[in-house]
Amino acid sequence: MHHRPTVARQISVGLLLLIVVAGIAYLGSLATIPNTEGWYASVRKAPWSPPNWVFGPAWSVLYVCIAVAGWLIWRSGWTRDGRNAARPALILYGVQLGLNALWTPVFFAGYPRVGEAAWWGAMVIMVLLIACVLGLIVAGARWSQAAAWLLVPYVLWLLFAATLNAAIISLNEPIGPLI
C-alpha cells in the first residue's frame, strides 16, 4: 500500500519541479538567443530542420510534461513507512534534467569557443540523455503509467533533435585526411 504526502507538500513539489524545468529553459535561452542569429543562422542544417520559432513552443510543452512526469513518479513512490521507493527512477529523473541543462550551452554557446568540438560534445550529451530518458520511461512506468506516457513525446523530440545535431556535424565539419 502506498502512502501519499500531504496535499500541501504535493503542491509544493509540483511547483518546485515546474520552477526547476523553467530555470533550465531560461538558462538554455541564455545560450541560444545570442547564437541563433549568429553562427547558427549561417550554418548548414538538415532539410527537415524546423524554423526557429517551433523550438520555443515545443520545448515549453515538453518541459511541462517533464515536470508533471517527475511529480507523478515522486508522488506514487511513497510507502507506509514514509520512504520513497521510486528513488532509483527519481535519480534518473535528476540525471536527465542535468543532461538536458547541459546540451544547449554546450551546443550553442560552446561552438564560438571551441568550434565543431562543441557539436560533438553536444551529440555525446544527447545520446546519454536519450538513454537516460528511455531508462526513466521504463523505471517510471512502475510508479506511474501516465508519467511514462508523458515522457514519450520528450524522447521522440530528443531523437529528432539528435538527427538535427548529427546533420549539423555532417554538413559542416570539414573532412580531414582518411589515414
C-alpha atoms as a PDB file:
ATOM      1  CA  MET A   1       0.000   0.000   0.000  1.00  0.00           C
ATOM      2  CA  HIS A   2       1.272   3.428  -0.926  1.00  0.00           C
ATOM      3  CA  HIS A   3       1.095   6.490   1.280  1.00  0.00           C
ATOM      4  CA  ARG A   4       0.936   9.905  -0.348  1.00  0.00           C
ATOM      5  CA  PRO A   5       2.339  13.108   1.160  1.00  0.00           C
ATOM      6  CA  THR A   6       0.013  15.893   2.222  1.00  0.00           C
ATOM      7  CA  VAL A   7      -1.698  17.920  -0.473  1.00  0.00           C
ATOM      8  CA  ALA A   8       0.366  20.968   0.529  1.00  0.00           C
ATOM      9  CA  ARG A   9       3.600  19.010   0.068  1.00  0.00           C
ATOM     10  CA  GLN A  10       2.408  17.604  -3.253  1.00  0.00           C
ATOM     11  CA  ILE A  11       1.619  21.119  -4.496  1.00  0.00           C
ATOM     12  CA  SER A  12       4.986  22.408  -3.238  1.00  0.00           C
ATOM     13  CA  VAL A  13       6.931  19.667  -5.009  1.00  0.00           C
ATOM     14  CA  GLY A  14       4.900  20.127  -8.193  1.00  0.00           C
ATOM     15  CA  LEU A  15       5.624  23.853  -8.197  1.00  0.00           C
ATOM     16  CA  LEU A  16       9.294  23.217  -7.415  1.00  0.00           C
ATOM     17  CA  LEU A  17       9.589  20.869 -10.407  1.00  0.00           C
ATOM     18  CA  LEU A  18       7.915  23.445 -12.658  1.00  0.00           C
ATOM     19  CA  ILE A  19      10.353  26.093 -11.391  1.00  0.00           C
ATOM     20  CA  VAL A  20      13.340  23.795 -11.972  1.00  0.00           C
ATOM     21  CA  VAL A  21      12.375  22.992 -15.566  1.00  0.00           C
ATOM     22  CA  ALA A  22      11.537  26.665 -16.206  1.00  0.00           C
ATOM     23  CA  GLY A  23      15.006  27.511 -14.883  1.00  0.00           C
ATOM     24  CA  ILE A  24      16.585  25.000 -17.251  1.00  0.00           C
ATOM     25  CA  ALA A  25      14.598  26.526 -20.109  1.00  0.00           C
ATOM     26  CA  TYR A  26      15.679  30.033 -19.111  1.00  0.00           C
ATOM     27  CA  LEU A  27      19.355  29.081 -18.828  1.00  0.00           C
ATOM     28  CA  GLY A  28      19.097  27.362 -22.202  1.00  0.00           C
ATOM     29  CA  SER A  29      17.648  30.515 -23.736  1.00  0.00           C
ATOM     30  CA  LEU A  30      20.636  32.493 -22.453  1.00  0.00           C
ATOM     31  CA  ALA A  31      22.891  30.213 -24.507  1.00  0.00           C
ATOM     32  CA  THR A  32      20.565  30.006 -27.516  1.00  0.00           C
ATOM     33  CA  ILE A  33      19.308  33.533 -28.149  1.00  0.00           C
ATOM     34  CA  PRO A  34      22.687  35.213 -28.723  1.00  0.00           C
ATOM     35  CA  ASN A  35      23.685  32.475 -31.173  1.00  0.00           C
ATOM     36  CA  THR A  36      20.533  31.864 -33.251  1.00  0.00           C
ATOM     37  CA  GLU A  37      21.171  34.999 -35.293  1.00  0.00           C
ATOM     38  CA  GLY A  38      24.929  34.418 -35.202  1.00  0.00           C
ATOM     39  CA  TRP A  39      26.704  31.227 -36.220  1.00  0.00           C
ATOM     40  CA  TYR A  40      23.525  29.106 -36.116  1.00  0.00           C
ATOM     41  CA  ALA A  41      21.833  31.272 -38.759  1.00  0.00           C
ATOM     42  CA  SER A  42      24.663  30.699 -41.227  1.00  0.00           C
ATOM     43  CA  VAL A  43      25.410  27.030 -40.597  1.00  0.00           C
ATOM     44  CA  ARG A  44      24.061  24.373 -42.974  1.00  0.00           C
ATOM     45  CA  LYS A  45      21.158  22.499 -41.370  1.00  0.00           C
ATOM     46  CA  ALA A  46      19.189  19.365 -42.149  1.00  0.00           C
ATOM     47  CA  PRO A  47      16.483  19.853 -44.791  1.00  0.00           C
ATOM     48  CA  TRP A  48      13.967  18.695 -42.146  1.00  0.00           C
ATOM     49  CA  SER A  49      15.085  21.304 -39.634  1.00  0.00           C
ATOM     50  CA  PRO A  50      12.035  23.284 -38.493  1.00  0.00           C
ATOM     51  CA  PRO A  51      12.001  27.089 -38.360  1.00  0.00           C
ATOM     52  CA  ASN A  52      13.466  28.545 -35.166  1.00  0.00           C
ATOM     53  CA  TRP A  53      10.059  29.660 -33.858  1.00  0.00           C
ATOM     54  CA  VAL A  54       8.972  25.991 -33.473  1.00  0.00           C
ATOM     55  CA  PHE A  55      11.519  25.208 -30.760  1.00  0.00           C
ATOM     56  CA  GLY A  56      10.158  27.540 -28.058  1.00  0.00           C
ATOM     57  CA  PRO A  57       6.564  26.243 -28.077  1.00  0.00           C
ATOM     58  CA  ALA A  58       7.687  22.619 -28.490  1.00  0.00           C
ATOM     59  CA  TRP A  59      10.079  22.805 -25.552  1.00  0.00           C
ATOM     60  CA  SER A  60       7.520  24.681 -23.419  1.00  0.00           C
ATOM     61  CA  VAL A  61       5.048  21.810 -23.789  1.00  0.00           C
ATOM     62  CA  LEU A  62       7.782  19.212 -23.254  1.00  0.00           C
ATOM     63  CA  TYR A  63       9.073  20.921 -20.100  1.00  0.00           C
ATOM     64  CA  VAL A  64       5.578  20.908 -18.580  1.00  0.00           C
ATOM     65  CA  CYS A  65       5.304  17.185 -19.410  1.00  0.00           C
ATOM     66  CA  ILE A  66       8.738  16.552 -17.863  1.00  0.00           C
ATOM     67  CA  ALA A  67       7.771  18.375 -14.654  1.00  0.00           C
ATOM     68  CA  VAL A  68       4.420  16.584 -14.370  1.00  0.00           C
ATOM     69  CA  ALA A  69       6.021  13.198 -15.075  1.00  0.00           C
ATOM     70  CA  GLY A  70       8.595  13.746 -12.328  1.00  0.00           C
ATOM     71  CA  TRP A  71       5.873  14.813  -9.930  1.00  0.00           C
ATOM     72  CA  LEU A  72       3.738  11.749 -10.720  1.00  0.00           C
ATOM     73  CA  ILE A  73       6.675   9.400 -10.152  1.00  0.00           C
ATOM     74  CA  TRP A  74       7.636  11.164  -6.916  1.00  0.00           C
ATOM     75  CA  ARG A  75       4.043  11.162  -5.661  1.00  0.00           C
ATOM     76  CA  SER A  76       3.445   7.494  -6.455  1.00  0.00           C
ATOM     77  CA  GLY A  77       6.565   6.126  -4.800  1.00  0.00           C
ATOM     78  CA  TRP A  78       5.708   6.785  -1.164  1.00  0.00           C
ATOM     79  CA  THR A  79       5.371   3.808   1.152  1.00  0.00           C
ATOM     80  CA  ARG A  80       3.634   3.461   4.517  1.00  0.00           C
ATOM     81  CA  ASP A  81       6.918   3.865   6.372  1.00  0.00           C
ATOM     82  CA  GLY A  82       7.457   7.309   4.802  1.00  0.00           C
ATOM     83  CA  ARG A  83      10.159   6.424   2.283  1.00  0.00           C
ATOM     84  CA  ASN A  84      10.001   6.968  -1.414  1.00  0.00           C
ATOM     85  CA  ALA A  85      10.586   3.645  -3.147  1.00  0.00           C
ATOM     86  CA  ALA A  86      10.698   5.395  -6.537  1.00  0.00           C
ATOM     87  CA  ARG A  87      14.129   6.780  -5.643  1.00  0.00           C
ATOM     88  CA  PRO A  88      16.015   4.975  -8.481  1.00  0.00           C
ATOM     89  CA  ALA A  89      13.599   6.445 -11.027  1.00  0.00           C
ATOM     90  CA  LEU A  90      13.912   9.863  -9.379  1.00  0.00           C
ATOM     91  CA  ILE A  91      17.712   9.663  -9.625  1.00  0.00           C
ATOM     92  CA  LEU A  92      17.348   9.005 -13.372  1.00  0.00           C
ATOM     93  CA  TYR A  93      14.953  11.940 -13.491  1.00  0.00           C
ATOM     94  CA  GLY A  94      17.569  14.202 -11.916  1.00  0.00           C
ATOM     95  CA  VAL A  95      20.309  12.943 -14.230  1.00  0.00           C
ATOM     96  CA  GLN A  96      18.196  13.599 -17.314  1.00  0.00           C
ATOM     97  CA  LEU A  97      17.448  17.117 -16.058  1.00  0.00           C
ATOM     98  CA  GLY A  98      21.191  17.716 -15.703  1.00  0.00           C
ATOM     99  CA  LEU A  99      21.955  16.363 -19.167  1.00  0.00           C
ATOM    100  CA  ASN A 100      19.094  18.401 -20.599  1.00  0.00           C
ATOM    101  CA  ALA A 101      20.505  21.531 -18.953  1.00  0.00           C
ATOM    102  CA  LEU A 102      23.981  20.800 -20.390  1.00  0.00           C
ATOM    103  CA  TRP A 103      23.092  20.211 -24.025  1.00  0.00           C
ATOM    104  CA  THR A 104      22.018  23.731 -25.000  1.00  0.00           C
ATOM    105  CA  PRO A 105      25.018  25.637 -23.613  1.00  0.00           C
ATOM    106  CA  VAL A 106      27.444  23.054 -24.996  1.00  0.00           C
ATOM    107  CA  PHE A 107      25.872  23.120 -28.468  1.00  0.00           C
ATOM    108  CA  PHE A 108      25.067  26.837 -28.843  1.00  0.00           C
ATOM    109  CA  ALA A 109      27.488  28.695 -26.564  1.00  0.00           C
ATOM    110  CA  GLY A 110      30.237  26.100 -26.969  1.00  0.00           C
ATOM    111  CA  TYR A 111      30.606  26.495 -30.734  1.00  0.00           C
ATOM    112  CA  PRO A 112      32.005  30.081 -30.671  1.00  0.00           C
ATOM    113  CA  ARG A 113      34.538  28.935 -28.048  1.00  0.00           C
ATOM    114  CA  VAL A 114      35.701  25.539 -29.284  1.00  0.00           C
ATOM    115  CA  GLY A 115      34.262  25.154 -32.789  1.00  0.00           C
ATOM    116  CA  GLU A 116      32.954  21.844 -34.108  1.00  0.00           C
ATOM    117  CA  ALA A 117      34.087  20.024 -30.953  1.00  0.00           C
ATOM    118  CA  ALA A 118      31.056  21.606 -29.241  1.00  0.00           C
ATOM    119  CA  TRP A 119      28.715  19.865 -31.692  1.00  0.00           C
ATOM    120  CA  TRP A 120      30.382  16.531 -30.981  1.00  0.00           C
ATOM    121  CA  GLY A 121      30.204  17.132 -27.230  1.00  0.00           C
ATOM    122  CA  ALA A 122      26.532  18.025 -27.559  1.00  0.00           C
ATOM    123  CA  MET A 123      25.958  14.823 -29.561  1.00  0.00           C
ATOM    124  CA  VAL A 124      27.508  12.725 -26.771  1.00  0.00           C
ATOM    125  CA  ILE A 125      25.297  14.503 -24.239  1.00  0.00           C
ATOM    126  CA  MET A 126      22.252  13.895 -26.470  1.00  0.00           C
ATOM    127  CA  VAL A 127      22.945  10.153 -26.752  1.00  0.00           C
ATOM    128  CA  LEU A 128      23.344   9.921 -22.961  1.00  0.00           C
ATOM    129  CA  LEU A 129      20.170  11.970 -22.486  1.00  0.00           C
ATOM    130  CA  ILE A 130      18.156   9.721 -24.800  1.00  0.00           C
ATOM    131  CA  ALA A 131      19.422   6.608 -22.992  1.00  0.00           C
ATOM    132  CA  CYS A 132      18.604   8.175 -19.626  1.00  0.00           C
ATOM    133  CA  VAL A 133      15.077   9.176 -20.673  1.00  0.00           C
ATOM    134  CA  LEU A 134      14.418   5.696 -22.093  1.00  0.00           C
ATOM    135  CA  GLY A 135      15.583   4.253 -18.765  1.00  0.00           C
ATOM    136  CA  LEU A 136      13.368   6.745 -16.943  1.00  0.00           C
ATOM    137  CA  ILE A 137      10.345   5.719 -19.007  1.00  0.00           C
ATOM    138  CA  VAL A 138      10.913   2.081 -18.060  1.00  0.00           C
ATOM    139  CA  ALA A 139      11.692   2.809 -14.392  1.00  0.00           C
ATOM    140  CA  GLY A 140       8.964   5.427 -14.075  1.00  0.00           C
ATOM    141  CA  ALA A 141       6.276   3.183 -15.575  1.00  0.00           C
ATOM    142  CA  ARG A 142       6.452   1.062 -12.427  1.00  0.00           C
ATOM    143  CA  TRP A 143       5.222   4.063 -10.459  1.00  0.00           C
ATOM    144  CA  SER A 144       3.054   5.886 -12.961  1.00  0.00           C
ATOM    145  CA  GLN A 145       1.951   4.809 -16.418  1.00  0.00           C
ATOM    146  CA  ALA A 146       0.829   8.389 -17.055  1.00  0.00           C
ATOM    147  CA  ALA A 147       4.346   9.653 -16.262  1.00  0.00           C
ATOM    148  CA  ALA A 148       5.864   7.146 -18.656  1.00  0.00           C
ATOM    149  CA  TRP A 149       3.496   8.235 -21.430  1.00  0.00           C
ATOM    150  CA  LEU A 150       4.190  11.916 -20.730  1.00  0.00           C
ATOM    151  CA  LEU A 151       7.876  11.217 -21.383  1.00  0.00           C
ATOM    152  CA  VAL A 152       7.298   9.543 -24.777  1.00  0.00           C
ATOM    153  CA  PRO A 153       6.937  12.841 -26.739  1.00  0.00           C
ATOM    154  CA  TYR A 154      10.093  14.058 -24.974  1.00  0.00           C
ATOM    155  CA  VAL A 155      12.194  11.089 -26.066  1.00  0.00           C
ATOM    156  CA  LEU A 156      10.769  11.315 -29.592  1.00  0.00           C
ATOM    157  CA  TRP A 157      11.713  15.008 -29.736  1.00  0.00           C
ATOM    158  CA  LEU A 158      15.193  14.155 -28.423  1.00  0.00           C
ATOM    159  CA  LEU A 159      15.606  11.556 -31.169  1.00  0.00           C
ATOM    160  CA  PHE A 160      14.561  14.197 -33.703  1.00  0.00           C
ATOM    161  CA  ALA A 161      16.937  16.741 -32.131  1.00  0.00           C
ATOM    162  CA  ALA A 162      19.742  14.171 -32.334  1.00  0.00           C
ATOM    163  CA  THR A 163      19.220  13.985 -36.107  1.00  0.00           C
ATOM    164  CA  LEU A 164      19.459  17.773 -36.306  1.00  0.00           C
ATOM    165  CA  ASN A 165      22.660  17.762 -34.224  1.00  0.00           C
ATOM    166  CA  ALA A 166      24.154  14.967 -36.354  1.00  0.00           C
ATOM    167  CA  ALA A 167      23.195  16.757 -39.569  1.00  0.00           C
ATOM    168  CA  ILE A 168      24.981  19.925 -38.480  1.00  0.00           C
ATOM    169  CA  ILE A 169      28.084  17.854 -37.745  1.00  0.00           C
ATOM    170  CA  SER A 170      27.979  16.039 -41.074  1.00  0.00           C
ATOM    171  CA  LEU A 171      27.030  19.028 -43.225  1.00  0.00           C
ATOM    172  CA  ASN A 172      29.512  21.482 -41.737  1.00  0.00           C
ATOM    173  CA  GLU A 173      32.547  19.752 -40.338  1.00  0.00           C
ATOM    174  CA  PRO A 174      35.415  19.543 -42.775  1.00  0.00           C
ATOM    175  CA  ILE A 175      36.559  16.019 -43.558  1.00  0.00           C
ATOM    176  CA  GLY A 176      40.210  15.518 -42.788  1.00  0.00           C
ATOM    177  CA  PRO A 177      42.606  13.007 -44.298  1.00  0.00           C
ATOM    178  CA  LEU A 178      41.430   9.405 -44.055  1.00  0.00           C
ATOM    179  CA  ILE A 179      44.669   7.879 -42.760  1.00  0.00           C
END
